[in-house]
Amino acid sequence: MYEIKLSGMTCEHCVKTVTRTIQSFDPTSKPSVDLSSQTARFETEKDISTLSSKLEEEGYPVLSINKE
């Protein structure tokens, strides 16, 4: 399980965009995105650095990545 802290999420549209970006990266990830804490939790076996780049391209810089 990964938890990433993002910057720039301000509304439900942002939550949907982050969710869609994670799902397009790994369709089996089942992300849970929380606007108030600006975090996303999900599982993946893929290289997380690729996802970080995709999220930053969408306008949501990754502040931290924790693997649980």
N, C-alpha and C. Protein backbone atom coordinates (compact mmCIF):
# COMPACT_ATOMS: atom_id res chain seq x y z
N MET A 1 0.85 -1.17 0.00
CA MET A 1 0.00 0.00 0.00
C MET A 1 0.89 1.24 0.00
N TYR A 2 0.60 2.15 -0.90
CA TYR A 2 1.30 3.42 -0.96
C TYR A 2 0.38 4.53 -0.46
N GLU A 3 0.98 5.52 0.15
CA GLU A 3 0.28 6.76 0.46
C GLU A 3 1.14 7.90 -0.05
N ILE A 4 0.55 8.70 -0.92
CA ILE A 4 1.29 9.84 -1.45
C ILE A 4 0.60 11.13 -1.00
N LYS A 5 1.40 12.09 -0.63
CA LYS A 5 0.93 13.42 -0.25
C LYS A 5 1.12 14.32 -1.45
N LEU A 6 0.04 15.00 -1.84
CA LEU A 6 0.05 15.85 -3.02
C LEU A 6 -0.14 17.30 -2.65
N SER A 7 0.15 18.16 -3.59
CA SER A 7 -0.11 19.58 -3.44
C SER A 7 -1.02 20.01 -4.58
N GLY A 8 -1.87 21.00 -4.31
CA GLY A 8 -2.66 21.58 -5.39
C GLY A 8 -4.09 21.07 -5.52
N MET A 9 -4.48 20.10 -4.71
CA MET A 9 -5.87 19.63 -4.80
C MET A 9 -6.77 20.60 -4.03
N THR A 10 -7.77 21.16 -4.72
CA THR A 10 -8.64 22.16 -4.10
C THR A 10 -10.12 21.83 -4.18
N CYS A 11 -10.50 20.81 -4.97
CA CYS A 11 -11.93 20.54 -5.16
C CYS A 11 -12.15 19.07 -5.57
N GLU A 12 -13.40 18.72 -5.71
CA GLU A 12 -13.74 17.35 -6.10
C GLU A 12 -13.27 17.02 -7.51
N HIS A 13 -13.20 18.02 -8.37
CA HIS A 13 -12.67 17.78 -9.71
C HIS A 13 -11.21 17.32 -9.62
N CYS A 14 -10.46 17.92 -8.70
CA CYS A 14 -9.07 17.51 -8.49
C CYS A 14 -9.01 16.06 -8.03
N VAL A 15 -9.90 15.69 -7.11
CA VAL A 15 -9.95 14.31 -6.61
C VAL A 15 -10.21 13.35 -7.77
N LYS A 16 -11.14 13.69 -8.63
CA LYS A 16 -11.45 12.83 -9.78
C LYS A 16 -10.27 12.73 -10.73
N THR A 17 -9.57 13.84 -10.95
CA THR A 17 -8.42 13.83 -11.85
C THR A 17 -7.31 12.96 -11.28
N VAL A 18 -7.01 13.09 -10.00
CA VAL A 18 -5.97 12.27 -9.36
C VAL A 18 -6.38 10.80 -9.40
N THR A 19 -7.64 10.51 -9.10
CA THR A 19 -8.13 9.13 -9.13
C THR A 19 -7.98 8.55 -10.53
N ARG A 20 -8.40 9.30 -11.53
CA ARG A 20 -8.32 8.84 -12.92
C ARG A 20 -6.86 8.63 -13.35
N THR A 21 -5.97 9.51 -12.91
CA THR A 21 -4.55 9.39 -13.27
C THR A 21 -3.96 8.12 -12.66
N ILE A 22 -4.29 7.84 -11.41
CA ILE A 22 -3.79 6.63 -10.75
C ILE A 22 -4.36 5.39 -11.42
N GLN A 23 -5.65 5.41 -11.74
CA GLN A 23 -6.28 4.25 -12.39
C GLN A 23 -5.74 4.03 -13.79
N SER A 24 -5.38 5.08 -14.50
CA SER A 24 -4.82 4.89 -15.84
C SER A 24 -3.39 4.34 -15.74
N PHE A 25 -2.70 4.67 -14.66
CA PHE A 25 -1.36 4.15 -14.40
C PHE A 25 -1.42 2.66 -14.08
N ASP A 26 -2.38 2.27 -13.22
CA ASP A 26 -2.56 0.87 -12.84
C ASP A 26 -4.04 0.62 -12.58
N PRO A 27 -4.74 0.02 -13.55
CA PRO A 27 -6.18 -0.20 -13.43
C PRO A 27 -6.60 -1.05 -12.22
N THR A 28 -5.69 -1.78 -11.64
CA THR A 28 -6.03 -2.63 -10.49
C THR A 28 -5.74 -1.93 -9.15
N SER A 29 -5.35 -0.68 -9.17
CA SER A 29 -4.85 0.02 -7.98
C SER A 29 -5.89 0.35 -6.91
N LYS A 30 -7.15 0.57 -7.29
CA LYS A 30 -8.24 0.93 -6.38
C LYS A 30 -7.88 2.11 -5.47
N PRO A 31 -7.63 3.27 -6.04
CA PRO A 31 -7.19 4.41 -5.24
C PRO A 31 -8.29 5.00 -4.35
N SER A 32 -7.87 5.51 -3.23
CA SER A 32 -8.72 6.27 -2.33
C SER A 32 -8.05 7.63 -2.17
N VAL A 33 -8.72 8.68 -2.65
CA VAL A 33 -8.13 10.02 -2.64
C VAL A 33 -8.92 10.88 -1.66
N ASP A 34 -8.20 11.54 -0.76
CA ASP A 34 -8.83 12.36 0.27
C ASP A 34 -8.45 13.83 0.07
N LEU A 35 -9.45 14.66 -0.19
CA LEU A 35 -9.22 16.07 -0.46
C LEU A 35 -8.68 16.81 0.77
N SER A 36 -9.27 16.56 1.93
CA SER A 36 -8.89 17.34 3.12
C SER A 36 -7.43 17.13 3.52
N SER A 37 -6.92 15.91 3.37
CA SER A 37 -5.52 15.64 3.72
C SER A 37 -4.60 15.70 2.50
N GLN A 38 -5.19 15.85 1.32
CA GLN A 38 -4.47 15.87 0.05
C GLN A 38 -3.57 14.64 -0.10
N THR A 39 -4.16 13.48 0.18
CA THR A 39 -3.43 12.23 0.06
C THR A 39 -4.19 11.26 -0.84
N ALA A 40 -3.43 10.33 -1.38
CA ALA A 40 -3.99 9.23 -2.17
C ALA A 40 -3.38 7.94 -1.65
N ARG A 41 -4.22 6.94 -1.42
CA ARG A 41 -3.76 5.63 -0.97
C ARG A 41 -4.17 4.60 -2.03
N PHE A 42 -3.25 3.70 -2.36
CA PHE A 42 -3.53 2.70 -3.38
C PHE A 42 -2.46 1.62 -3.33
N GLU A 43 -2.74 0.52 -4.00
CA GLU A 43 -1.77 -0.56 -4.13
C GLU A 43 -1.33 -0.66 -5.58
N THR A 44 -0.05 -0.97 -5.76
CA THR A 44 0.47 -1.19 -7.11
C THR A 44 1.79 -1.94 -7.02
N GLU A 45 2.10 -2.65 -8.08
CA GLU A 45 3.39 -3.32 -8.20
C GLU A 45 4.28 -2.58 -9.21
N LYS A 46 3.74 -1.53 -9.81
CA LYS A 46 4.47 -0.79 -10.84
C LYS A 46 5.43 0.22 -10.22
N ASP A 47 6.33 0.74 -11.06
CA ASP A 47 7.31 1.73 -10.64
C ASP A 47 6.62 3.05 -10.31
N ILE A 48 6.64 3.41 -9.05
CA ILE A 48 5.91 4.58 -8.57
C ILE A 48 6.46 5.90 -9.13
N SER A 49 7.71 5.93 -9.53
CA SER A 49 8.27 7.18 -10.07
C SER A 49 7.57 7.60 -11.36
N THR A 50 7.11 6.65 -12.13
CA THR A 50 6.35 6.96 -13.34
C THR A 50 5.05 7.66 -12.98
N LEU A 51 4.38 7.17 -11.94
CA LEU A 51 3.13 7.79 -11.51
C LEU A 51 3.38 9.20 -10.99
N SER A 52 4.44 9.39 -10.25
CA SER A 52 4.76 10.73 -9.75
C SER A 52 4.86 11.73 -10.89
N SER A 53 5.52 11.34 -11.96
CA SER A 53 5.64 12.22 -13.13
C SER A 53 4.29 12.52 -13.74
N LYS A 54 3.43 11.51 -13.84
CA LYS A 54 2.10 11.70 -14.42
C LYS A 54 1.26 12.66 -13.57
N LEU A 55 1.33 12.51 -12.25
CA LEU A 55 0.57 13.40 -11.37
C LEU A 55 1.08 14.83 -11.47
N GLU A 56 2.38 14.99 -11.54
CA GLU A 56 2.94 16.33 -11.66
C GLU A 56 2.57 16.97 -12.99
N GLU A 57 2.49 16.17 -14.06
CA GLU A 57 2.04 16.68 -15.36
C GLU A 57 0.61 17.19 -15.28
N GLU A 58 -0.21 16.57 -14.43
CA GLU A 58 -1.61 16.98 -14.25
C GLU A 58 -1.73 18.21 -13.35
N GLY A 59 -0.63 18.62 -12.71
CA GLY A 59 -0.65 19.81 -11.88
C GLY A 59 -0.69 19.52 -10.39
N TYR A 60 -0.37 18.30 -9.98
CA TYR A 60 -0.40 17.91 -8.58
C TYR A 60 0.96 17.39 -8.15
N PRO A 61 1.85 18.31 -7.73
CA PRO A 61 3.19 17.88 -7.31
C PRO A 61 3.12 16.90 -6.14
N VAL A 62 3.96 15.89 -6.20
CA VAL A 62 4.05 14.89 -5.14
C VAL A 62 5.01 15.41 -4.07
N LEU A 63 4.51 15.54 -2.84
CA LEU A 63 5.31 16.05 -1.73
C LEU A 63 6.05 14.92 -1.01
N SER A 64 5.38 13.76 -0.90
CA SER A 64 6.01 12.61 -0.25
C SER A 64 5.34 11.33 -0.69
N ILE A 65 6.10 10.24 -0.60
CA ILE A 65 5.60 8.90 -0.92
C ILE A 65 5.99 7.98 0.23
N ASN A 66 5.00 7.32 0.79
CA ASN A 66 5.25 6.34 1.86
C ASN A 66 4.69 5.00 1.45
N LYS A 67 5.47 3.97 1.68
CA LYS A 67 5.00 2.61 1.42
C LYS A 67 4.73 1.95 2.76
N GLU A 68 3.53 1.42 2.89
CA GLU A 68 3.14 0.77 4.14
C GLU A 68 3.24 -0.72 4.05
